[in-house]
C-alpha cells in the first residue's frame, strides 16, 4: 500500500512518527501484520484509514501567515 496522494508528505511522516511512539508505549495496533515492525504497522494503519492525521489549527494559521508574508513581499 502507498500513502494517499492527497496527503501531504510532511503530515504523513509526522503521523507515522507519532503513531510509532504510541505503539512503542504499548498501544495496540489497529491492523494485523505478520511481521510486527512498528514502522510498518504505523504506515499500514494510516494507509488503510485506521489512523487519520489531523493538523492542529495553530499550525494551519502559521502556514497561512507564512504564505501571506511571501505574497506581500512580491
N, C-alpha and C. Protein backbone atom coordinates (compact mmCIF):
# COMPACT_ATOMS: atom_id res chain seq x y z
N UNK A 1 0.82 -1.19 0.00
CA UNK A 1 0.00 0.00 0.00
C UNK A 1 0.86 1.24 0.00
N UNK A 2 0.37 2.30 -0.59
CA UNK A 2 1.07 3.57 -0.60
C UNK A 2 0.24 4.62 0.07
N UNK A 3 0.89 5.69 0.48
CA UNK A 3 0.15 6.79 1.09
C UNK A 3 -0.73 7.43 0.03
N UNK A 4 -1.85 7.96 0.48
CA UNK A 4 -2.78 8.60 -0.43
C UNK A 4 -2.15 9.86 -0.99
N UNK A 5 -2.35 10.10 -2.26
CA UNK A 5 -1.74 11.25 -2.92
C UNK A 5 -2.22 12.59 -2.37
N UNK A 6 -3.41 12.63 -1.79
CA UNK A 6 -3.91 13.89 -1.26
C UNK A 6 -3.34 14.22 0.12
N UNK A 7 -2.54 13.32 0.68
CA UNK A 7 -1.96 13.55 1.99
C UNK A 7 -0.57 14.17 1.83
N UNK A 8 -0.35 15.28 2.50
CA UNK A 8 0.93 15.96 2.50
C UNK A 8 2.01 15.04 3.07
N UNK A 9 3.16 14.97 2.41
CA UNK A 9 4.24 14.10 2.86
C UNK A 9 4.70 14.44 4.27
N UNK A 10 4.81 15.72 4.56
CA UNK A 10 5.25 16.16 5.88
C UNK A 10 4.29 15.68 6.97
N UNK A 11 3.00 15.84 6.72
CA UNK A 11 1.98 15.41 7.68
C UNK A 11 2.03 13.89 7.83
N UNK A 12 2.21 13.19 6.73
CA UNK A 12 2.29 11.73 6.74
C UNK A 12 3.45 11.25 7.62
N UNK A 13 4.63 11.84 7.43
CA UNK A 13 5.81 11.44 8.19
C UNK A 13 5.62 11.73 9.68
N UNK A 14 5.07 12.90 10.00
CA UNK A 14 4.81 13.22 11.41
C UNK A 14 3.80 12.27 12.03
N UNK A 15 2.78 11.91 11.26
CA UNK A 15 1.76 11.00 11.77
C UNK A 15 2.34 9.61 12.02
N UNK A 16 3.17 9.14 11.11
CA UNK A 16 3.81 7.83 11.29
C UNK A 16 4.70 7.86 12.52
N UNK A 17 5.49 8.92 12.68
CA UNK A 17 6.38 9.02 13.84
C UNK A 17 5.60 9.03 15.15
N UNK A 18 4.52 9.79 15.17
CA UNK A 18 3.71 9.85 16.40
C UNK A 18 3.08 8.50 16.70
N UNK A 19 2.58 7.83 15.66
CA UNK A 19 1.95 6.52 15.88
C UNK A 19 2.98 5.48 16.33
N UNK A 20 4.19 5.55 15.79
CA UNK A 20 5.25 4.63 16.21
C UNK A 20 5.52 4.80 17.70
N UNK A 21 5.59 6.05 18.17
CA UNK A 21 5.80 6.30 19.60
C UNK A 21 4.67 5.70 20.43
N UNK A 22 3.43 5.85 19.95
CA UNK A 22 2.29 5.29 20.67
C UNK A 22 2.38 3.78 20.74
N UNK A 23 2.73 3.15 19.63
CA UNK A 23 2.85 1.69 19.60
C UNK A 23 3.97 1.21 20.52
N UNK A 24 5.08 1.94 20.54
CA UNK A 24 6.19 1.56 21.41
C UNK A 24 5.84 1.71 22.89
N UNK A 25 4.91 2.62 23.18
CA UNK A 25 4.47 2.80 24.57
C UNK A 25 3.43 1.76 24.99
N UNK A 26 3.01 0.91 24.03
CA UNK A 26 2.12 -0.18 24.40
C UNK A 26 0.72 -0.14 23.82
N UNK A 27 0.40 0.87 23.01
CA UNK A 27 -0.93 0.87 22.39
C UNK A 27 -1.06 -0.31 21.44
N UNK A 28 -2.26 -0.83 21.36
CA UNK A 28 -2.49 -1.99 20.50
C UNK A 28 -2.63 -1.55 19.05
N UNK A 29 -2.02 -2.29 18.13
CA UNK A 29 -2.16 -1.97 16.71
C UNK A 29 -3.60 -2.16 16.24
N UNK A 30 -4.02 -1.36 15.27
CA UNK A 30 -5.37 -1.46 14.73
C UNK A 30 -5.45 -2.32 13.49
N UNK A 31 -4.30 -2.80 13.03
CA UNK A 31 -4.26 -3.72 11.89
C UNK A 31 -3.41 -4.92 12.28
N UNK A 32 -3.69 -6.04 11.64
CA UNK A 32 -2.87 -7.23 11.87
C UNK A 32 -1.75 -7.23 10.84
N UNK A 33 -0.58 -7.52 11.31
CA UNK A 33 0.58 -7.52 10.44
C UNK A 33 1.42 -8.73 10.79
N UNK A 34 1.80 -9.51 9.79
CA UNK A 34 2.51 -10.76 10.08
C UNK A 34 3.92 -10.52 10.63
N UNK A 35 4.58 -9.47 10.16
CA UNK A 35 5.91 -9.12 10.65
C UNK A 35 5.76 -7.86 11.49
N UNK A 36 5.76 -8.01 12.82
CA UNK A 36 5.47 -6.87 13.68
C UNK A 36 6.67 -5.92 13.72
N UNK A 37 6.63 -4.96 12.84
CA UNK A 37 7.59 -3.88 12.80
C UNK A 37 6.77 -2.61 13.02
N UNK A 38 7.04 -1.87 14.09
CA UNK A 38 6.18 -0.75 14.46
C UNK A 38 6.06 0.29 13.35
N UNK A 39 7.11 0.50 12.59
CA UNK A 39 7.04 1.48 11.50
C UNK A 39 6.09 0.98 10.41
N UNK A 40 6.21 -0.29 10.04
CA UNK A 40 5.31 -0.85 9.02
C UNK A 40 3.87 -0.84 9.49
N UNK A 41 3.65 -1.17 10.75
CA UNK A 41 2.30 -1.18 11.31
C UNK A 41 1.71 0.23 11.29
N UNK A 42 2.49 1.23 11.73
CA UNK A 42 2.00 2.60 11.74
C UNK A 42 1.66 3.08 10.34
N UNK A 43 2.51 2.78 9.37
CA UNK A 43 2.24 3.17 7.98
C UNK A 43 0.98 2.50 7.46
N UNK A 44 0.85 1.22 7.75
CA UNK A 44 -0.32 0.46 7.30
C UNK A 44 -1.61 1.02 7.90
N UNK A 45 -1.59 1.36 9.17
CA UNK A 45 -2.77 1.92 9.83
C UNK A 45 -3.20 3.22 9.16
N UNK A 46 -2.24 4.07 8.85
CA UNK A 46 -2.56 5.35 8.22
C UNK A 46 -3.03 5.13 6.78
N UNK A 47 -2.37 4.25 6.05
CA UNK A 47 -2.74 4.00 4.66
C UNK A 47 -4.13 3.37 4.53
N UNK A 48 -4.52 2.57 5.51
CA UNK A 48 -5.86 1.95 5.48
C UNK A 48 -6.95 2.85 6.05
N UNK A 49 -6.54 3.98 6.63
CA UNK A 49 -7.52 4.91 7.18
C UNK A 49 -7.91 4.60 8.61
N UNK A 50 -7.19 3.70 9.27
CA UNK A 50 -7.46 3.38 10.67
C UNK A 50 -7.02 4.53 11.58
N UNK A 51 -6.00 5.24 11.15
CA UNK A 51 -5.50 6.41 11.85
C UNK A 51 -5.59 7.57 10.85
N UNK A 52 -6.22 8.66 11.28
CA UNK A 52 -6.38 9.81 10.39
C UNK A 52 -5.59 10.98 10.99
N UNK A 53 -4.53 11.42 10.30
CA UNK A 53 -3.75 12.55 10.81
C UNK A 53 -4.58 13.83 10.81
N UNK A 54 -4.41 14.61 11.86
CA UNK A 54 -5.11 15.89 11.98
C UNK A 54 -4.06 16.97 12.18
N UNK A 55 -4.18 18.05 11.42
CA UNK A 55 -3.25 19.16 11.57
C UNK A 55 -3.87 20.15 12.56
N UNK A 56 -3.19 20.45 13.67
CA UNK A 56 -3.72 21.41 14.63
C UNK A 56 -3.92 22.79 14.00
N UNK A 57 -4.92 23.51 14.46
CA UNK A 57 -5.28 24.80 13.89
C UNK A 57 -4.14 25.81 13.99
N UNK A 58 -3.35 25.78 15.06
CA UNK A 58 -2.26 26.75 15.18
C UNK A 58 -1.20 26.56 14.10
N UNK A 59 -0.98 25.33 13.68
CA UNK A 59 -0.04 25.08 12.58
C UNK A 59 -0.61 25.59 11.27
N UNK A 60 -1.89 25.37 11.05
CA UNK A 60 -2.54 25.87 9.84
C UNK A 60 -2.45 27.39 9.81
N UNK A 61 -2.71 28.04 10.93
CA UNK A 61 -2.62 29.50 11.00
C UNK A 61 -1.21 29.98 10.70
N UNK A 62 -0.22 29.28 11.21
CA UNK A 62 1.18 29.64 10.97
C UNK A 62 1.51 29.51 9.49
N UNK A 63 1.06 28.46 8.85
CA UNK A 63 1.29 28.27 7.42
C UNK A 63 0.64 29.41 6.64
N UNK A 64 -0.58 29.77 7.01
CA UNK A 64 -1.28 30.87 6.34
C UNK A 64 -0.50 32.17 6.47
N UNK A 65 0.06 32.45 7.65
CA UNK A 65 0.79 33.70 7.83
C UNK A 65 2.08 33.71 7.02
N UNK A 66 2.73 32.56 6.87
CA UNK A 66 3.94 32.48 6.05
C UNK A 66 3.59 32.75 4.60
N UNK A 67 2.50 32.16 4.13
CA UNK A 67 2.08 32.37 2.74
C UNK A 67 1.72 33.84 2.52
N UNK A 68 1.03 34.46 3.47
CA UNK A 68 0.66 35.87 3.35
C UNK A 68 1.90 36.75 3.30
N UNK A 69 2.90 36.45 4.13
CA UNK A 69 4.14 37.24 4.13
C UNK A 69 4.86 37.13 2.80
N UNK A 70 4.92 35.95 2.23
CA UNK A 70 5.58 35.75 0.94
C UNK A 70 4.86 36.54 -0.15
N UNK A 71 3.53 36.52 -0.12
CA UNK A 71 2.75 37.23 -1.14
C UNK A 71 2.94 38.73 -1.03
N UNK A 72 3.06 39.26 0.19
CA UNK A 72 3.21 40.70 0.37
C UNK A 72 4.62 41.17 -0.04
N UNK A 73 5.61 40.26 -0.02
CA UNK A 73 6.97 40.60 -0.44
C UNK A 73 7.08 40.74 -1.95
N UNK A 74 6.21 40.06 -2.67
CA UNK A 74 6.30 40.07 -4.14
C UNK A 74 5.73 41.28 -4.74
